[in-house]
Protein backbone atom coordinates (compact mmCIF):
# COMPACT_ATOMS: atom_id res chain seq x y z
CA MET A 1 -138.13 19.63 65.91
CA GLU A 2 -140.13 17.74 68.41
CA THR A 3 -143.45 17.23 67.53
CA LEU A 4 -146.28 17.23 70.05
CA LEU A 5 -149.45 15.41 69.30
CA ARG A 6 -152.12 16.91 71.97
CA LEU A 7 -155.53 16.51 72.53
CA PRO A 8 -157.73 19.88 72.41
CA SER A 9 -157.91 22.21 75.49
CA PRO A 10 -157.86 25.86 76.25
CA GLU A 11 -154.22 25.47 76.84
CA ILE A 12 -153.46 23.90 73.77
CA TYR A 13 -155.80 26.42 72.11
CA ALA A 14 -153.30 29.24 73.80
CA LYS A 15 -150.41 27.52 72.74
CA ALA A 16 -151.16 27.07 69.17
CA ALA A 17 -152.10 31.03 69.30
CA ALA A 18 -148.35 31.38 70.47
CA LEU A 19 -146.88 29.42 68.03
CA TYR A 20 -148.83 31.42 65.09
CA ARG A 21 -147.75 34.34 66.55
CA ALA A 22 -144.37 33.56 66.47
CA GLY A 23 -144.60 32.01 62.81
CA GLU A 24 -144.56 28.70 63.53
CA LEU A 25 -146.87 25.84 62.05
CA VAL A 26 -149.97 23.97 64.01
CA ALA A 27 -151.66 20.79 62.15
CA PHE A 28 -155.25 21.24 63.27
CA PRO A 29 -158.76 19.02 62.46
CA THR A 30 -161.28 20.57 60.50
CA GLU A 31 -164.54 18.82 58.96
CA THR A 32 -162.81 17.91 55.74
CA VAL A 33 -159.07 17.14 56.37
CA TYR A 34 -156.75 18.10 58.88
CA GLY A 35 -154.86 21.52 58.19
CA LEU A 36 -151.32 22.55 58.20
CA GLY A 37 -151.67 26.38 59.24
CA ALA A 38 -149.75 29.45 59.16
CA ASN A 39 -150.17 33.15 60.12
CA ALA A 40 -151.78 34.04 56.22
CA LEU A 41 -150.54 37.60 57.05
CA ASP A 42 -146.94 36.46 57.85
CA ALA A 43 -145.60 35.84 54.48
CA GLU A 44 -142.00 34.18 56.11
CA ALA A 45 -144.42 31.76 58.09
CA VAL A 46 -146.46 30.73 54.84
CA GLY A 47 -143.36 29.98 53.43
CA ARG A 48 -142.79 27.10 56.17
CA ILE A 49 -145.86 25.35 54.73
CA PHE A 50 -144.48 25.22 51.47
CA ALA A 51 -141.35 23.77 52.85
CA ALA A 52 -142.51 21.44 55.34
CA LYS A 53 -144.95 20.00 52.63
CA GLY A 54 -142.61 20.12 50.02
CA ARG A 55 -145.05 22.06 47.94
CA PRO A 56 -144.51 23.88 45.17
CA ASN A 57 -144.86 27.70 45.81
CA ASP A 58 -147.15 28.01 42.44
CA ASN A 59 -150.12 26.36 44.19
CA PRO A 60 -152.12 28.93 46.34
CA LEU A 61 -153.68 28.49 49.62
CA ILE A 62 -156.84 28.62 51.38
CA VAL A 63 -157.26 31.06 54.14
CA HIS A 64 -159.40 30.22 57.57
CA ILE A 65 -161.72 32.29 59.16
CA ALA A 66 -163.80 32.17 62.31
CA HIS A 67 -166.04 35.18 61.64
CA ARG A 68 -167.16 36.97 58.68
CA ASP A 69 -166.03 40.29 60.06
CA GLN A 70 -162.37 39.05 59.05
CA LEU A 71 -163.34 38.98 55.30
CA ASP A 72 -162.95 42.83 55.32
CA PRO A 73 -159.28 43.55 55.18
CA LEU A 74 -158.80 40.43 52.97
CA VAL A 75 -160.93 40.76 50.05
CA ARG A 76 -163.54 42.97 47.78
CA LEU A 77 -166.65 40.91 48.43
CA PRO A 78 -168.75 39.73 45.38
CA ALA A 79 -172.44 39.90 45.18
CA LEU A 80 -173.16 36.30 45.26
CA ALA A 81 -170.87 36.30 48.52
CA THR A 82 -173.51 36.76 51.13
CA ALA A 83 -176.19 33.67 49.83
CA LEU A 84 -173.14 31.47 50.09
CA MET A 85 -172.00 32.51 52.84
CA ASP A 86 -175.49 32.51 54.38
CA ALA A 87 -175.98 28.90 53.15
CA PHE A 88 -172.94 27.07 53.82
CA TRP A 89 -170.76 28.81 56.42
CA PRO A 90 -169.36 27.52 58.65
CA GLY A 91 -168.95 24.41 56.56
CA PRO A 92 -167.00 22.72 53.43
CA LEU A 93 -166.98 25.67 51.09
CA THR A 94 -164.28 27.72 49.82
CA LEU A 95 -164.76 31.04 47.65
CA ILE A 96 -162.58 32.61 45.90
CA MET A 97 -162.56 36.48 45.70
CA PRO A 98 -160.58 39.45 44.65
CA ARG A 99 -157.92 39.84 47.11
CA THR A 100 -156.49 42.82 48.98
CA ASP A 101 -153.04 44.25 49.06
CA LEU A 102 -153.12 42.37 52.66
CA VAL A 103 -152.89 39.20 51.80
CA PRO A 104 -149.23 37.94 51.00
CA ASP A 105 -148.31 36.98 47.74
CA ALA A 106 -147.20 33.50 49.00
CA VAL A 107 -150.79 32.74 50.00
CA THR A 108 -151.89 33.26 46.17
CA ALA A 109 -149.33 32.09 44.27
CA GLY A 110 -149.22 35.50 42.94
CA LEU A 111 -153.13 35.63 41.97
CA ASP A 112 -155.33 38.26 42.38
CA THR A 113 -157.55 36.50 44.10
CA VAL A 114 -158.00 34.64 47.47
CA ALA A 115 -159.65 31.27 48.50
CA VAL A 116 -161.13 31.69 51.83
CA ARG A 117 -163.43 29.45 53.92
CA MET A 118 -165.16 29.10 57.49
CA PRO A 119 -164.33 25.56 58.71
CA SER A 120 -167.42 24.01 60.93
CA HIS A 121 -165.21 21.92 63.09
CA PRO A 122 -165.74 22.76 66.99
CA ILE A 123 -162.07 22.80 67.41
CA ALA A 124 -160.75 24.49 64.56
CA ARG A 125 -163.34 27.11 65.11
CA ALA A 126 -161.83 27.40 68.84
CA MET A 127 -158.45 27.15 68.04
CA LEU A 128 -159.33 30.37 65.48
CA GLU A 129 -161.04 32.36 68.09
CA ALA A 130 -158.52 31.88 70.53
CA CYS A 131 -155.74 33.33 67.93
CA ARG A 132 -157.93 35.82 66.57
CA LEU A 133 -155.56 35.56 62.55
CA PRO A 134 -156.56 34.22 59.33
CA ILE A 135 -154.84 30.92 59.00
CA ALA A 136 -153.30 30.06 55.80
CA ALA A 137 -153.69 25.88 56.12
CA PRO A 138 -153.68 23.49 52.83
CA SER A 139 -153.95 19.95 54.01
CA ALA A 140 -151.32 18.53 56.58
CA ASN A 141 -149.59 16.06 54.38
CA ARG A 142 -146.48 15.75 52.09
CA SER A 143 -147.11 17.16 49.11
CA GLY A 144 -148.68 15.16 46.75
CA ARG A 145 -149.77 12.14 49.28
CA PRO A 146 -153.12 11.40 50.32
CA SER A 147 -154.39 13.75 52.58
CA PRO A 148 -154.89 13.43 56.47
CA THR A 149 -158.32 12.12 58.12
CA THR A 150 -156.46 11.34 61.25
CA ALA A 151 -154.08 13.14 63.72
CA ALA A 152 -151.90 10.07 62.99
CA HIS A 153 -151.88 10.18 59.24
CA VAL A 154 -150.57 13.85 60.32
CA LEU A 155 -147.69 12.68 62.32
CA GLU A 156 -146.61 10.05 59.98
CA ASP A 157 -145.88 12.77 57.23
CA MET A 158 -145.30 15.63 59.41
CA ASN A 159 -143.24 14.34 62.55
CA GLY A 160 -140.11 16.44 63.00
CA LEU A 161 -141.00 18.91 60.50
CA ILE A 162 -143.53 21.07 62.88
CA PRO A 163 -144.08 21.49 66.37
CA LEU A 164 -147.61 20.85 67.07
CA ILE A 165 -150.54 18.62 66.20
CA ILE A 166 -153.99 19.00 67.66
CA ASP A 167 -155.69 15.69 67.51
CA GLY A 168 -159.22 16.00 66.99
CA GLY A 169 -160.33 12.54 65.83
CA PRO A 170 -161.03 11.38 62.40
CA CYS A 171 -162.65 13.88 59.97
CA GLU A 172 -166.48 13.91 59.15
CA VAL A 173 -166.19 14.68 55.45
CA GLY A 174 -162.98 13.08 54.41
CA LEU A 175 -162.40 15.42 51.42
CA GLU A 176 -161.10 18.62 51.26
CA SER A 177 -163.48 21.50 50.69
CA THR A 178 -165.38 22.41 47.30
CA VAL A 179 -163.79 25.71 46.32
CA LEU A 180 -166.19 28.14 43.94
CA ASP A 181 -164.40 30.81 41.97
CA ILE A 182 -167.11 33.58 42.15
CA THR A 183 -165.23 36.26 40.44
CA GLN A 184 -166.33 35.73 37.06
CA GLU A 185 -169.93 35.96 35.33
CA ARG A 186 -170.94 32.58 36.27
CA PRO A 187 -169.61 30.80 39.23
CA CYS A 188 -167.31 27.68 38.57
CA ILE A 189 -166.43 24.91 40.67
CA LEU A 190 -162.51 24.69 40.66
CA ARG A 191 -162.18 21.46 42.92
CA PRO A 192 -165.36 19.51 43.80
CA GLY A 193 -166.05 18.68 47.36
CA GLY A 194 -168.91 18.06 50.10
CA VAL A 195 -170.92 20.79 49.36
CA THR A 196 -171.86 19.43 45.77
CA ARG A 197 -172.82 21.01 42.47
CA GLU A 198 -176.71 20.65 42.87
CA MET A 199 -176.40 22.13 46.63
CA LEU A 200 -174.67 25.36 45.05
CA GLU A 201 -177.51 25.58 42.35
CA ALA A 202 -180.71 25.28 44.65
CA VAL A 203 -179.21 28.75 46.40
CA ILE A 204 -177.44 30.70 43.61
CA GLY A 205 -178.55 29.23 40.20
CA PRO A 206 -176.14 27.45 36.82
CA VAL A 207 -172.72 26.58 38.22
CA GLU A 208 -170.17 25.34 35.99
CA VAL A 209 -167.54 22.75 36.72
CA ALA A 210 -164.25 23.68 35.51
CA GLY A 211 -162.64 21.35 32.83
CA SER A 212 -159.65 20.39 34.43
CA VAL A 213 -161.90 18.65 37.43
CA LEU A 214 -161.69 15.24 35.62
CA ARG A 215 -158.38 15.93 33.84
CA PRO A 216 -154.84 17.18 34.45
CA LEU A 217 -154.17 21.33 33.50
CA ARG A 218 -152.98 21.70 30.01
CA GLU A 219 -149.89 23.28 28.93
CA GLY A 220 -150.02 27.06 29.74
CA GLU A 221 -153.47 26.61 31.77
CA VAL A 222 -153.35 28.43 35.36
CA ALA A 223 -153.81 26.56 38.73
CA ARG A 224 -156.16 28.66 40.42
CA SER A 225 -157.11 26.80 43.18
CA PRO A 226 -155.41 24.32 45.52
CA GLY A 227 -155.26 20.63 44.27
CA MET A 228 -155.10 21.82 40.31
CA ARG A 229 -151.98 21.54 39.22
CA TYR A 230 -149.87 18.29 40.14
CA ARG A 231 -150.47 14.52 40.85
CA HIS A 232 -152.34 14.52 44.31
CA TYR A 233 -153.77 12.31 46.95
CA ALA A 234 -151.21 9.24 45.56
CA PRO A 235 -149.75 6.48 47.17
CA LYS A 236 -146.48 5.47 46.35
CA GLY A 237 -147.85 2.52 44.11
CA GLU A 238 -149.09 3.00 40.60
CA ILE A 239 -153.25 3.24 40.42
CA THR A 240 -155.06 2.60 37.19
CA LEU A 241 -158.88 3.20 36.85
CA VAL A 242 -160.81 0.52 35.16
CA ARG A 243 -164.42 1.88 33.57
CA GLY A 244 -167.16 0.30 31.67
CA GLY A 245 -169.89 -1.47 32.26
CA GLU A 246 -170.59 -3.15 35.57
CA ALA A 247 -170.04 -7.15 34.26
CA ASP A 248 -166.89 -5.99 32.07
CA VAL A 249 -165.38 -3.96 35.16
CA ILE A 250 -165.32 -7.01 37.29
CA ARG A 251 -163.95 -9.40 34.89
CA ALA A 252 -161.16 -6.79 33.85
CA LEU A 253 -160.39 -6.20 37.41
CA ARG A 254 -159.45 -9.53 38.06
CA LEU A 255 -157.66 -10.08 35.13
CA CYS A 256 -155.47 -7.17 35.86
CA TRP A 257 -155.21 -8.10 39.34
CA GLU A 258 -154.11 -12.12 38.35
CA ALA A 259 -151.78 -10.47 35.65
CA ALA A 260 -149.86 -8.22 37.91
CA GLU A 261 -149.39 -10.99 40.66
CA ALA A 262 -148.37 -13.32 38.03
CA ALA A 263 -145.47 -10.36 37.18
CA GLY A 264 -144.65 -10.62 40.69
CA GLU A 265 -146.15 -7.10 41.65
CA ASN A 266 -147.81 -6.94 45.37
CA SER A 267 -151.30 -5.50 43.77
CA CYS A 268 -154.94 -5.10 44.92
CA VAL A 269 -158.07 -3.98 43.33
CA LEU A 270 -160.26 -1.20 44.90
CA CYS A 271 -163.99 -1.80 44.80
CA PHE A 272 -167.25 -1.02 46.29
CA GLU A 273 -169.23 -3.26 48.49
CA GLU A 274 -171.74 -4.11 46.04
CA HIS A 275 -168.85 -5.90 43.88
CA ALA A 276 -167.10 -7.63 46.46
CA ALA A 277 -168.54 -11.00 46.33
CA ALA A 278 -167.77 -11.09 42.56
CA LEU A 279 -164.45 -10.81 42.98
CA ALA A 280 -163.96 -13.25 45.69
CA GLY A 281 -160.35 -14.60 45.83
CA VAL A 282 -159.02 -11.09 44.43
CA ARG A 283 -156.89 -9.31 47.50
CA CYS A 284 -159.79 -6.77 47.67
CA HIS A 285 -159.86 -3.07 49.66
CA SER A 286 -163.60 -1.52 49.77
CA LEU A 287 -164.01 1.90 49.14
CA GLY A 288 -167.51 1.62 50.73
CA THR A 289 -171.03 1.42 48.92
CA LEU A 290 -172.57 3.05 46.16
CA SER A 291 -175.78 3.30 48.00
CA GLN A 292 -173.88 5.37 50.73
CA PRO A 293 -171.67 7.90 48.47
CA GLU A 294 -170.80 9.80 51.15
CA SER A 295 -169.10 6.95 53.05
CA ILE A 296 -166.91 6.53 49.79
CA ALA A 297 -165.88 10.06 50.28
CA ASN A 298 -165.38 9.68 54.14
CA ARG A 299 -163.11 6.38 54.01
CA LEU A 300 -160.98 7.08 50.29
CA PHE A 301 -157.52 8.71 51.81
CA ASP A 302 -157.89 6.15 54.58
CA VAL A 303 -157.85 3.22 52.25
CA LEU A 304 -155.02 5.27 49.83
CA ARG A 305 -153.14 5.43 52.99
CA GLN A 306 -153.43 2.09 53.69
CA LEU A 307 -152.10 0.99 50.39
CA ASP A 308 -148.29 1.88 51.06
CA THR A 309 -149.17 0.25 54.42
CA GLU A 310 -149.33 -2.79 52.61
CA GLY A 311 -146.48 -1.89 50.35
CA MET A 312 -148.72 -2.21 47.31
CA THR A 313 -146.96 -1.48 43.89
CA ARG A 314 -149.80 -1.85 41.56
CA VAL A 315 -153.65 -0.76 42.45
CA TYR A 316 -156.71 -1.12 40.17
CA SER A 317 -159.83 0.81 40.74
CA GLU A 318 -163.39 0.71 40.34
CA VAL A 319 -164.78 4.35 39.00
CA MET A 320 -168.41 5.88 40.24
CA PRO A 321 -170.72 8.40 38.54
CA ALA A 322 -169.18 11.83 38.76
CA ASP A 323 -172.25 13.47 40.13
CA GLY A 324 -173.38 14.87 43.60
CA ILE A 325 -170.14 13.67 45.93
CA GLY A 326 -169.11 11.34 43.21
CA LEU A 327 -167.68 13.84 41.12
CA ALA A 328 -165.36 15.12 44.01
CA VAL A 329 -164.63 10.85 44.57
CA MET A 330 -163.63 11.24 41.14
CA ASN A 331 -161.31 13.94 41.11
CA ARG A 332 -159.06 12.51 43.97
CA LEU A 333 -159.32 9.27 42.57
CA GLY A 334 -158.44 10.56 39.19
CA ARG A 335 -155.72 12.88 40.54
CA ALA A 336 -154.48 9.96 43.03
CA ALA A 337 -153.90 7.86 39.33
CA ALA A 338 -152.61 10.61 37.33
CA PHE A 339 -155.72 9.88 35.45
CA ARG A 340 -154.28 6.84 34.36
CA THR A 341 -157.49 4.82 32.68
CA VAL A 342 -158.41 1.85 30.77
CA GLU A 343 -161.76 0.67 29.27
CA ALA A 344 -162.50 -2.84 30.64
CA ALA A 345 -163.47 -3.92 27.30
CA ASP A 346 -159.75 -3.57 26.10
CA VAL A 347 -158.71 -5.56 28.85
CA ILE A 348 -160.61 -8.33 28.22
CA ALA A 349 -159.82 -8.43 24.78
CA ARG A 350 -155.86 -8.50 25.67
CA ARG A 351 -157.42 -11.55 28.43
CA GLY A 352 -155.02 -9.95 31.12
CA ALA A 353 -151.97 -11.05 29.29
CA ALA A 354 -149.85 -8.32 31.01
CA PRO A 355 -150.15 -5.80 33.65
CA VAL A 356 -151.79 -2.53 32.56
């Protein structure tokens, strides 16, 4: 299959709509990451998403809509939904709500709920307006890979697998949407994103955060949201998170890198701008500055993809406080590392005698 990469235009939106109605897939930009879309009401078309991504079919998808009136056939609206939609739609907030029978099991992984959001990106909105369909769309990458924040990233993973990519330039947020379950007595964040816990609580009061946000799912625990069950967002090389006091972490990162290099690994360190000077001589990639945590969220997936371009086999990363947007960053970094973590003090005690 030839994959066309095209700039947005009314003609391209019409082409996307025709492809959706024919059961085909189209990748498109949103404010968070690029999505890989199919007609959410066509179970066979949704199945093509899983095939193109190599995605396990027990991982639910998010349905994208252009207007609130599209919700009526899809969900039973919980009481909190209106306040949340008024505050955050269109935008990077996905709401999990009770589904109707119109939504295929292929979209929900057989759950009795469905995840829905209304993107704010003008290209996504124009495309959704043109097709007049609810569009099921996970991130437009091969399953487990870092999510795509540019059309070039999509082409890297999907070339020959889908007919059309709409090129809208770099994504603004750079991390997937916040997923909030509002079917329970207390709302619960299943996947953190650009709409933070603090922002949500300012509108609806107390919000819980699922324990699985910063750990793997336990045996028998159900994945009620995308990005929960499997190793996600991962480059090909092995990432290890290094935590502890600032001075210890900087020293441990240097020791880990030196030991990995001595063992013949192609290795690097992911650090914050504030600590780059202290790591002089170490091969580093900047994650951004802690004074502007949104910059870290915005560039994270681009950095993770760059690791593969450079053939990195061992990567050691700083961590950041898991509050505000930092919760979303640490969720993605944790899953990229399969939650592999070491204490800086332990590394120092071993004096970096071997890679960890």
